[in-house]
């Protein structure tokens, strides 16, 4: 991979305003996909490295039609570490007592 974008829900300084570096990870996969789109359009293969956690982000999509991605340029989304990383399209819904 030519570029790695880090995402963490558990790092104290994680924010979608960060640059996605290991020291300043993004908070959401959606923000990482936006940043990856920039690199891919420049012909830079990219890995999105997710810290172990459950990511609930609803609808996520990668549109390869625009901008056009050059051949042999890849996007990899990968969990890091030995603990599980889960991506879910569902949201937690509170029960009537207010707890999920």
Protein backbone atom coordinates (compact mmCIF):
# COMPACT_ATOMS: atom_id res chain seq x y z
CA UNK A 1 0.00 0.00 0.00
CA UNK A 2 1.21 3.45 -0.78
CA UNK A 3 -0.96 5.31 1.73
CA UNK A 4 -2.51 4.23 5.05
CA UNK A 5 -5.45 6.06 6.60
CA UNK A 6 -6.06 5.27 10.28
CA UNK A 7 -9.53 5.21 11.86
CA UNK A 8 -10.23 4.80 15.58
CA UNK A 9 -13.32 5.18 17.72
CA UNK A 10 -11.40 4.65 20.95
CA UNK A 11 -8.44 7.03 20.55
CA UNK A 12 -8.97 10.17 22.63
CA UNK A 13 -8.06 12.57 19.83
CA UNK A 14 -9.80 10.81 16.93
CA UNK A 15 -11.72 13.28 14.77
CA UNK A 16 -12.93 13.53 11.19
CA UNK A 17 -11.04 16.84 11.06
CA UNK A 18 -7.72 14.98 11.54
CA UNK A 19 -5.37 13.97 8.74
CA UNK A 20 -5.86 10.22 9.24
CA UNK A 21 -2.30 9.58 10.41
CA UNK A 22 -1.54 7.04 13.14
CA UNK A 23 -1.11 9.91 15.65
CA UNK A 24 -4.24 11.76 14.44
CA UNK A 25 -6.74 9.12 13.31
CA UNK A 26 -10.09 9.80 11.74
CA UNK A 27 -13.22 8.93 13.73
CA UNK A 28 -15.40 7.41 11.00
CA UNK A 29 -15.07 5.10 8.04
CA UNK A 30 -17.10 7.58 5.96
CA UNK A 31 -14.41 10.25 6.46
CA UNK A 32 -11.70 7.72 5.61
CA UNK A 33 -13.48 6.80 2.38
CA UNK A 34 -13.63 10.47 1.39
CA UNK A 35 -9.89 10.83 2.01
CA UNK A 36 -9.18 7.56 0.19
CA UNK A 37 -11.10 8.80 -2.84
CA UNK A 38 -8.59 11.66 -3.19
CA UNK A 39 -5.60 9.29 -3.10
CA UNK A 40 -7.20 6.74 -5.44
CA UNK A 41 -7.95 9.40 -8.05
CA UNK A 42 -4.23 10.29 -7.99
CA UNK A 43 -3.27 6.67 -8.65
CA UNK A 44 -2.23 5.95 -5.05
CA UNK A 45 -3.27 2.58 -3.63
CA UNK A 46 -4.72 3.06 -0.17
CA UNK A 47 -5.41 1.04 2.97
CA UNK A 48 -7.93 2.10 5.60
CA UNK A 49 -6.71 0.66 8.92
CA UNK A 50 -9.51 0.26 11.47
CA UNK A 51 -8.77 -0.06 15.17
CA UNK A 52 -10.68 -2.90 16.86
CA UNK A 53 -14.24 -1.76 17.59
CA UNK A 54 -17.80 -1.88 16.24
CA UNK A 55 -18.39 0.72 13.54
CA UNK A 56 -22.07 1.58 13.02
CA UNK A 57 -22.24 3.94 10.08
CA UNK A 58 -25.33 3.06 8.10
CA UNK A 59 -24.83 3.31 4.36
CA UNK A 60 -21.22 3.38 3.19
CA UNK A 61 -20.34 3.34 -0.47
CA UNK A 62 -17.29 3.56 -2.66
CA UNK A 63 -18.05 4.99 -6.09
CA UNK A 64 -15.32 3.98 -8.53
CA UNK A 65 -16.92 5.75 -11.49
CA UNK A 66 -15.91 9.26 -10.47
CA UNK A 67 -13.14 10.04 -10.23
CA UNK A 68 -11.79 7.31 -12.47
CA UNK A 69 -9.36 5.08 -10.62
CA UNK A 70 -6.33 3.91 -12.64
CA UNK A 71 -5.81 0.18 -13.21
CA UNK A 72 -3.93 -1.74 -10.51
CA UNK A 73 -4.80 0.87 -7.88
CA UNK A 74 -6.51 -0.79 -4.92
CA UNK A 75 -8.44 0.12 -1.81
CA UNK A 76 -8.13 -2.20 1.21
CA UNK A 77 -10.18 -1.82 4.40
CA UNK A 78 -8.61 -3.87 7.17
CA UNK A 79 -9.05 -4.40 10.90
CA UNK A 80 -5.89 -3.98 12.97
CA UNK A 81 -4.69 -5.98 15.96
CA UNK A 82 -5.98 -9.24 17.39
CA UNK A 83 -9.38 -8.06 18.68
CA UNK A 84 -12.39 -8.07 16.34
CA UNK A 85 -13.31 -5.18 14.08
CA UNK A 86 -16.95 -5.14 12.97
CA UNK A 87 -18.72 -2.92 10.44
CA UNK A 88 -22.49 -2.79 10.82
CA UNK A 89 -25.09 -0.86 8.90
CA UNK A 90 -27.44 -0.86 11.86
CA UNK A 91 -27.86 1.68 14.66
CA UNK A 92 -28.51 0.89 18.30
CA UNK A 93 -32.13 1.69 19.10
CA UNK A 94 -32.97 2.45 22.74
CA UNK A 95 -35.61 0.25 24.32
CA UNK A 96 -38.55 1.77 26.17
CA UNK A 97 -36.46 2.03 29.36
CA UNK A 98 -33.89 4.17 27.52
CA UNK A 99 -31.14 1.54 27.31
CA UNK A 100 -29.94 -0.11 24.08
